[in-house]
Protein backbone atom coordinates (compact mmCIF):
# COMPACT_ATOMS: atom_id res chain seq x y z
CA MET A 1 -77.69 69.53 -59.75
CA SER A 2 -81.24 69.76 -58.66
CA LEU A 3 -82.59 70.91 -62.04
CA ARG A 4 -81.23 68.13 -64.06
CA GLY A 5 -54.24 103.54 -76.39
CA THR A 6 -55.14 101.94 -79.87
CA ILE A 7 -54.73 98.32 -79.16
CA GLN A 8 -54.01 95.53 -81.60
CA GLN A 9 -54.39 91.95 -80.43
CA SER A 10 -53.71 88.70 -82.22
CA VAL A 11 -53.35 85.00 -81.49
CA VAL A 12 -50.31 83.27 -82.97
CA PRO A 13 -50.84 79.49 -82.94
CA THR A 14 -47.24 78.23 -82.99
CA LEU A 15 -48.49 74.67 -82.91
CA LEU A 16 -52.04 73.56 -83.67
CA PHE A 17 -52.72 70.98 -80.98
CA VAL A 18 -55.94 69.07 -81.54
CA VAL A 19 -57.02 65.49 -81.11
CA LEU A 20 -58.46 64.26 -84.38
CA LEU A 21 -59.66 61.18 -82.56
CA PHE A 22 -62.84 63.12 -81.76
CA SER A 23 -63.75 64.37 -85.24
CA GLY A 24 -67.22 63.52 -86.58
CA GLY A 25 -68.25 60.49 -88.62
CA ALA A 26 -71.23 58.18 -89.09
CA PHE A 27 -73.65 57.91 -86.20
CA ALA A 28 -74.84 54.75 -84.51
CA ALA A 29 -78.48 53.68 -84.61
CA ASP A 30 -79.14 55.33 -81.25
CA ALA A 31 -77.62 58.67 -82.33
CA PRO A 32 -79.45 61.89 -81.39
CA PRO A 33 -82.10 63.14 -83.83
CA GLY A 34 -81.05 65.67 -86.43
CA GLY A 35 -77.54 64.39 -87.00
CA GLY A 36 -76.04 65.49 -83.68
CA PHE A 37 -75.96 68.44 -81.32
CA SER A 38 -74.93 72.00 -82.11
CA ILE A 39 -72.89 74.06 -79.66
CA PRO A 40 -75.27 75.73 -77.17
CA ILE A 41 -73.98 79.29 -77.42
CA ASP A 42 -74.10 82.06 -80.02
CA CYS A 43 -70.36 82.56 -80.52
CA ARG A 44 -67.30 81.66 -82.57
CA PRO A 45 -65.36 78.96 -80.70
CA GLY A 46 -61.75 79.93 -80.17
CA ARG A 47 -62.47 83.61 -80.91
CA ASP A 48 -65.10 84.84 -78.46
CA CYS A 49 -65.96 81.67 -76.54
CA TRP A 50 -63.89 78.75 -75.29
CA VAL A 51 -64.40 75.35 -73.68
CA MET A 52 -63.45 75.87 -70.04
CA ASN A 53 -64.06 72.32 -68.77
CA TYR A 54 -64.89 68.97 -70.33
CA PRO A 55 -66.73 66.10 -68.60
CA ASP A 56 -64.79 64.04 -66.07
CA MET A 57 -64.54 60.53 -67.55
CA ASP A 58 -62.73 58.97 -64.58
CA PRO A 59 -65.12 56.64 -62.68
CA GLY A 60 -63.14 57.05 -59.46
CA PRO A 61 -61.90 59.99 -57.40
CA GLY A 62 -59.39 61.02 -60.07
CA VAL A 63 -59.91 63.39 -63.00
CA ALA A 64 -59.64 62.66 -66.72
CA ASP A 65 -61.15 64.63 -69.59
CA PRO A 66 -62.16 62.74 -72.79
CA ALA A 67 -58.58 62.88 -74.14
CA CYS A 68 -57.14 61.65 -70.81
CA GLY A 69 -56.03 65.20 -70.00
CA VAL A 70 -56.92 67.33 -66.98
CA ARG A 71 -59.44 69.78 -68.49
CA SER A 72 -62.13 68.83 -65.95
CA TYR A 73 -62.73 68.33 -62.25
CA ASP A 74 -63.93 65.38 -60.19
CA GLY A 75 -67.53 64.46 -61.00
CA HIS A 76 -68.08 67.14 -63.66
CA LYS A 77 -70.86 65.95 -65.99
CA GLY A 78 -70.97 68.60 -68.69
CA THR A 79 -69.09 70.74 -71.18
CA ASP A 80 -68.58 74.37 -70.11
CA PHE A 81 -68.59 77.05 -72.81
CA ALA A 82 -67.18 80.29 -71.38
CA VAL A 83 -67.31 83.82 -72.78
CA ARG A 84 -64.46 86.29 -72.39
CA ASP A 85 -65.69 88.16 -69.32
CA ILE A 86 -68.63 89.59 -67.37
CA GLU A 87 -68.73 92.59 -69.71
CA ALA A 88 -69.49 90.21 -72.61
CA MET A 89 -72.16 88.58 -70.47
CA ARG A 90 -73.76 91.96 -69.76
CA ARG A 91 -73.86 92.79 -73.46
CA GLY A 92 -75.80 89.55 -73.92
CA VAL A 93 -74.74 86.20 -75.35
CA SER A 94 -77.55 83.79 -76.23
CA VAL A 95 -77.75 80.22 -75.01
CA LEU A 96 -79.09 78.16 -77.92
CA ALA A 97 -81.03 74.90 -78.14
CA ALA A 98 -78.52 72.24 -79.23
CA ALA A 99 -81.24 70.40 -81.18
CA ALA A 100 -84.99 70.58 -81.72
CA GLY A 101 -87.15 69.38 -78.84
CA THR A 102 -89.65 70.17 -76.10
CA VAL A 103 -88.87 72.15 -72.95
CA ARG A 104 -89.42 69.93 -69.89
CA ARG A 105 -88.04 71.99 -67.00
CA VAL A 106 -87.18 75.63 -66.40
CA ARG A 107 -85.77 77.50 -63.41
CA ASP A 108 -85.20 81.25 -63.09
CA GLY A 109 -84.72 83.68 -60.22
CA VAL A 110 -81.23 82.69 -58.99
CA ALA A 111 -78.97 85.75 -58.69
CA ASP A 112 -75.87 86.16 -60.86
CA ARG A 113 -72.75 86.25 -58.68
CA LEU A 114 -69.15 85.06 -58.73
CA ILE A 115 -68.46 82.19 -56.34
CA ARG A 116 -65.27 83.10 -54.47
CA ASN A 117 -65.43 81.21 -51.17
CA ALA A 118 -67.30 78.73 -48.97
CA ALA A 119 -69.81 81.36 -47.88
CA ASP A 120 -70.78 82.02 -51.52
CA MET A 121 -71.12 78.29 -52.14
CA LYS A 122 -73.45 77.99 -49.16
CA VAL A 123 -75.79 80.58 -50.69
CA VAL A 124 -76.31 78.45 -53.81
CA ALA A 125 -76.36 75.05 -52.08
CA GLY A 126 -78.92 72.82 -53.79
CA ARG A 127 -79.05 75.19 -56.78
CA ASP A 128 -75.65 74.46 -58.31
CA CYS A 129 -77.08 74.68 -61.84
CA GLY A 130 -78.50 78.12 -61.16
CA ASN A 131 -81.03 79.24 -63.74
CA GLY A 132 -81.48 76.63 -66.44
CA VAL A 133 -83.50 74.67 -68.95
CA VAL A 134 -83.96 70.97 -69.77
CA VAL A 135 -85.00 70.06 -73.34
CA ASP A 136 -86.32 66.63 -74.39
CA HIS A 137 -85.20 65.67 -77.91
CA GLY A 138 -86.98 62.34 -78.16
CA LYS A 139 -85.64 58.76 -78.31
CA GLY A 140 -84.35 59.14 -74.75
CA TRP A 141 -82.10 62.15 -75.47
CA GLU A 142 -82.18 65.35 -73.42
CA THR A 143 -79.96 68.36 -72.85
CA GLN A 144 -79.57 70.52 -69.75
CA TYR A 145 -78.30 74.12 -69.76
CA CYS A 146 -77.04 75.72 -66.53
CA HIS A 147 -75.83 79.08 -65.12
CA MET A 148 -78.08 81.24 -67.28
CA ARG A 149 -78.62 84.92 -66.54
CA ARG A 150 -81.45 85.73 -64.16
CA GLY A 151 -84.50 87.07 -65.97
CA SER A 152 -83.19 86.09 -69.42
CA LEU A 153 -85.01 82.78 -69.90
CA ALA A 154 -87.10 83.01 -73.07
CA VAL A 155 -88.94 79.65 -73.05
CA ARG A 156 -91.56 77.93 -70.92
CA VAL A 157 -92.34 74.33 -70.01
CA GLY A 158 -94.07 72.49 -72.85
CA GLU A 159 -92.78 74.83 -75.56
CA VAL A 160 -91.40 73.24 -78.73
CA VAL A 161 -88.03 74.74 -79.67
CA GLN A 162 -85.94 74.47 -82.82
CA ARG A 163 -82.21 73.93 -83.15
CA GLY A 164 -80.42 77.21 -82.55
CA GLN A 165 -83.41 78.91 -80.92
CA PRO A 166 -82.42 81.19 -78.02
CA LEU A 167 -83.33 79.74 -74.63
CA GLY A 168 -81.94 82.67 -72.65
CA GLN A 169 -78.52 84.21 -72.07
CA ILE A 170 -75.16 83.30 -70.57
CA GLY A 171 -75.05 84.17 -66.88
CA LEU A 172 -73.34 83.68 -63.52
CA SER A 173 -76.08 81.94 -61.57
CA GLY A 174 -75.50 78.91 -59.38
CA ARG A 175 -72.10 77.46 -58.57
CA THR A 176 -69.80 79.18 -61.05
CA GLU A 177 -66.65 81.26 -60.99
CA PHE A 178 -66.90 82.50 -64.58
CA PRO A 179 -69.71 83.43 -67.01
CA HIS A 180 -70.48 80.31 -69.02
CA VAL A 181 -73.14 77.80 -69.99
CA HIS A 182 -72.81 74.23 -68.75
CA LEU A 183 -74.27 71.69 -71.20
CA THR A 184 -75.08 68.15 -70.06
CA ILE A 185 -76.25 65.57 -72.61
CA ARG A 186 -78.15 62.46 -71.47
CA GLN A 187 -79.41 59.39 -73.27
CA ASP A 188 -81.95 57.34 -71.30
CA GLY A 189 -80.71 59.06 -68.16
CA ILE A 190 -77.04 58.25 -68.81
CA VAL A 191 -74.74 61.26 -69.14
CA ARG A 192 -72.72 61.19 -72.37
CA ASP A 193 -69.68 63.18 -73.37
CA PRO A 194 -70.43 64.92 -76.69
CA LEU A 195 -66.79 64.92 -77.80
CA SER A 196 -66.33 61.15 -77.68
CA GLY A 197 -69.91 59.87 -77.39
CA ARG A 198 -68.87 57.75 -74.42
CA ALA A 199 -70.86 57.41 -71.24
CA HIS A 200 -69.75 59.72 -68.43
CA SER A 201 -67.24 58.02 -66.11
CA SER A 202 -66.66 55.16 -68.59
CA GLY A 203 -63.01 56.07 -68.91
CA CYS A 204 -61.10 58.32 -71.29
CA GLY A 205 -59.40 57.44 -74.54
CA ALA A 206 -60.82 55.79 -77.65
CA ALA A 207 -63.93 57.56 -78.95
CA ARG A 208 -67.28 55.90 -79.62
CA ILE A 209 -68.37 58.66 -81.99
CA SER A 210 -68.69 62.42 -81.61
CA LEU A 211 -72.18 63.68 -80.81
CA TRP A 212 -71.41 67.14 -82.20
CA ARG A 213 -73.15 67.96 -85.46
CA ASP A 214 -70.17 70.03 -86.59
CA PRO A 215 -66.58 69.13 -85.64
CA LEU A 216 -65.43 70.72 -82.38
CA PRO A 217 -61.78 69.70 -81.85
CA TYR A 218 -60.46 69.00 -78.38
CA ARG A 219 -58.05 71.70 -77.27
CA PRO A 220 -55.95 71.14 -74.16
CA SER A 221 -55.61 74.84 -73.32
CA ALA A 222 -56.53 78.33 -74.50
CA LEU A 223 -54.55 81.52 -73.99
CA TYR A 224 -57.61 83.63 -74.60
CA ALA A 225 -56.84 87.20 -73.49
CA ALA A 226 -53.98 89.61 -72.77
CA GLY A 227 -53.55 93.31 -72.28
CA PHE A 228 -51.74 96.25 -70.69
CA ALA A 229 -52.47 98.14 -67.47
CA ALA A 230 -50.95 100.99 -65.46
CA GLY A 231 -50.63 98.97 -62.26
CA PRO A 232 -51.25 95.60 -60.59
CA VAL A 233 -54.00 93.48 -62.17
CA THR A 234 -56.53 91.42 -60.20
CA GLY A 235 -58.29 88.22 -61.17
CA ASP A 236 -61.68 89.78 -60.53
CA GLY A 237 -60.73 92.70 -62.75
CA VAL A 238 -59.85 90.42 -65.67
CA LYS A 239 -63.03 88.41 -65.14
CA ARG A 240 -65.00 91.66 -65.30
CA ASP A 241 -63.36 93.00 -68.49
CA ALA A 242 -60.66 91.18 -70.45
CA ALA A 243 -61.57 92.50 -73.89
CA SER A 244 -59.11 95.36 -74.04
CA SER A 245 -56.14 97.07 -72.43
CA GLU A 246 -56.21 100.28 -70.52
CA ARG A 247 -55.36 103.43 -72.46
CA LEU A 248 -51.98 104.45 -71.09
CA THR A 249 -50.17 107.78 -71.18
CA ALA A 250 -46.49 108.62 -70.95
CA ALA A 251 -47.08 109.53 -67.29
CA ALA A 252 -48.48 106.10 -66.32
CA PRO A 253 -46.94 105.00 -63.00
CA ALA A 254 -46.17 101.54 -64.37
CA LEU A 255 -46.37 99.46 -67.51
CA VAL A 256 -47.92 96.06 -66.79
CA PHE A 257 -48.65 93.22 -69.21
CA TRP A 258 -51.13 90.48 -68.23
CA MET A 259 -52.53 87.28 -69.69
CA ALA A 260 -55.45 84.92 -68.96
CA ALA A 261 -55.79 81.26 -69.92
CA PHE A 262 -58.13 78.31 -69.63
CA GLY A 263 -56.76 74.87 -68.79
CA VAL A 264 -53.19 75.34 -67.55
CA GLN A 265 -51.24 72.43 -66.08
CA LYS A 266 -48.65 71.96 -63.38
CA ASP A 267 -45.14 72.67 -64.71
CA ASP A 268 -46.37 74.61 -67.75
CA ARG A 269 -43.77 77.26 -68.62
CA LEU A 270 -45.20 80.75 -69.03
CA THR A 271 -43.14 83.65 -70.40
CA LEU A 272 -44.36 87.26 -70.21
CA SER A 273 -42.39 89.96 -72.01
CA ILE A 274 -42.65 93.63 -72.97
CA THR A 275 -40.66 95.13 -75.84
CA ALA A 276 -40.03 98.89 -75.94
CA PRO A 277 -40.55 101.02 -79.09
CA ASP A 278 -36.80 100.89 -79.86
CA GLY A 279 -36.79 97.06 -79.74
CA ARG A 280 -35.24 96.73 -76.29
CA ALA A 281 -36.56 94.02 -73.98
CA LEU A 282 -38.18 96.10 -71.26
CA ILE A 283 -39.09 93.08 -69.15
CA LYS A 284 -39.09 89.30 -69.47
CA ARG A 285 -40.54 87.10 -66.74
CA GLU A 286 -40.54 83.31 -66.79
CA ILE A 287 -42.91 81.38 -64.53
CA ILE A 288 -43.32 77.65 -63.86
CA LEU A 289 -47.00 77.17 -63.09
CA PRO A 290 -47.55 75.42 -59.75
CA ARG A 291 -50.73 73.40 -60.37
CA ASN A 292 -53.52 72.42 -62.73
CA GLN A 293 -56.11 75.18 -63.02
CA ALA A 294 -59.24 75.70 -65.09
CA TRP A 295 -58.49 79.44 -65.16
CA ARG A 296 -55.24 81.33 -64.59
CA MET A 297 -54.13 84.97 -64.75
CA ASN A 298 -50.57 86.29 -64.44
CA PHE A 299 -48.95 89.67 -64.97
CA ALA A 300 -45.52 91.26 -65.09
CA GLY A 301 -44.49 94.89 -65.25
CA LYS A 302 -42.09 97.71 -64.62
CA LYS A 303 -42.49 100.91 -62.64
CA ARG A 304 -41.82 104.21 -64.37
CA GLY A 305 -38.66 105.87 -63.14
CA GLN A 306 -37.93 109.54 -63.44
CA GLY A 307 -39.24 111.13 -66.57
CA ARG A 308 -41.91 109.73 -68.88
CA TRP A 309 -42.34 106.60 -70.94
CA PRO A 310 -40.88 107.11 -74.44
CA SER A 311 -43.62 107.47 -77.03
CA GLY A 312 -44.24 104.70 -79.55
CA ILE A 313 -45.54 101.16 -79.83
CA TYR A 314 -45.00 98.76 -76.90
CA ARG A 315 -45.48 95.05 -77.55
CA GLY A 316 -46.46 92.45 -75.01
CA GLU A 317 -46.21 88.73 -75.58
CA ALA A 318 -47.37 85.72 -73.55
CA VAL A 319 -46.08 82.26 -74.44
CA LEU A 320 -47.34 79.09 -72.77
CA ARG A 321 -45.21 75.96 -73.31
CA ARG A 322 -45.94 72.37 -72.33
CA GLY A 323 -43.81 69.36 -73.07
CA ALA A 324 -40.92 69.17 -75.51
CA GLY A 325 -40.07 68.12 -79.02
CA ALA A 326 -42.53 67.60 -81.84
CA GLU A 327 -45.44 66.97 -79.46
CA ALA A 328 -44.92 70.15 -77.44
CA LEU A 329 -47.83 72.55 -76.98
CA VAL A 330 -46.92 76.18 -77.59
CA LEU A 331 -49.57 78.89 -77.31
CA ARG A 332 -48.74 82.50 -78.01
CA ARG A 333 -50.67 85.75 -77.65
CA GLN A 334 -49.40 89.18 -78.62
CA VAL A 335 -50.74 92.66 -77.83
CA SER A 336 -49.46 96.08 -78.86
CA ILE A 337 -50.30 99.49 -77.38
CA SER A 338 -49.45 103.01 -78.47
CA ILE A 339 -48.21 105.54 -75.91
CA GLU A 340 -48.05 109.15 -77.07
């Protein structure tokens, strides 16, 4: 990077899967000032923002996140905090200074756009970070914030900022396929993973010590959104607005249930189901996911036959399963919609 109907939705955590290895603790002598870094986004982790990618700790061509999982990609040097969709981005989500410091570099003017193909990547070549800020925290520590919204930057070079001060807003600038802020932490020029405190590409596993001021547990996946629609659902459509379902009527041509997740893995088992108002299973689709993906959307549905959909409450459920036994990961998200 050159910059350096009425809808009810709930998450049912069948199994809380976190790695306590990366919880806080006492800091070493070379710890960042102020007792650690705060998350760089004005949100509630796990509710309206999620970690999309962790740093790649593998020194070679492979990929390993800090917990030796696959929540990263080759050479990734930061932690990506994503918001739900572009609609949330447009409403405005502040990027916050992770600690007090002095602004050293700023870049603005890069357009916000989804990267979909090689032609889009060519447009942002050399500006992968997009619009961003670098803050010097003293004692060799600095943070870099990427992919901010064009025209939103609220600081200038040389300005002293406080922890939690808005630097700008979440955007889609640079090389990105989803609205998020990419945070890189460096100490004396060496990239460090905030979850484990280890140097980037030093290998995954045992933690040195978390650099987060407040505990931020590692989560291997997030089933972050689900909803209903009256027809086929597109990835771009979910990326634009995943906050709510369509309002459906009894004359809707189809009843479709969709889900979106961060951090799926090859051979994960995904089940999508719709239950009718009378308790009947209207549809149940089971899918074995084909590959590791930072972001995944799937849907399943049923066309309306003759007549109209019976009135009442329809319930959709997405269940993501990984592994077996006591160590299995099971994520569940449920949505209900009323059709009159």
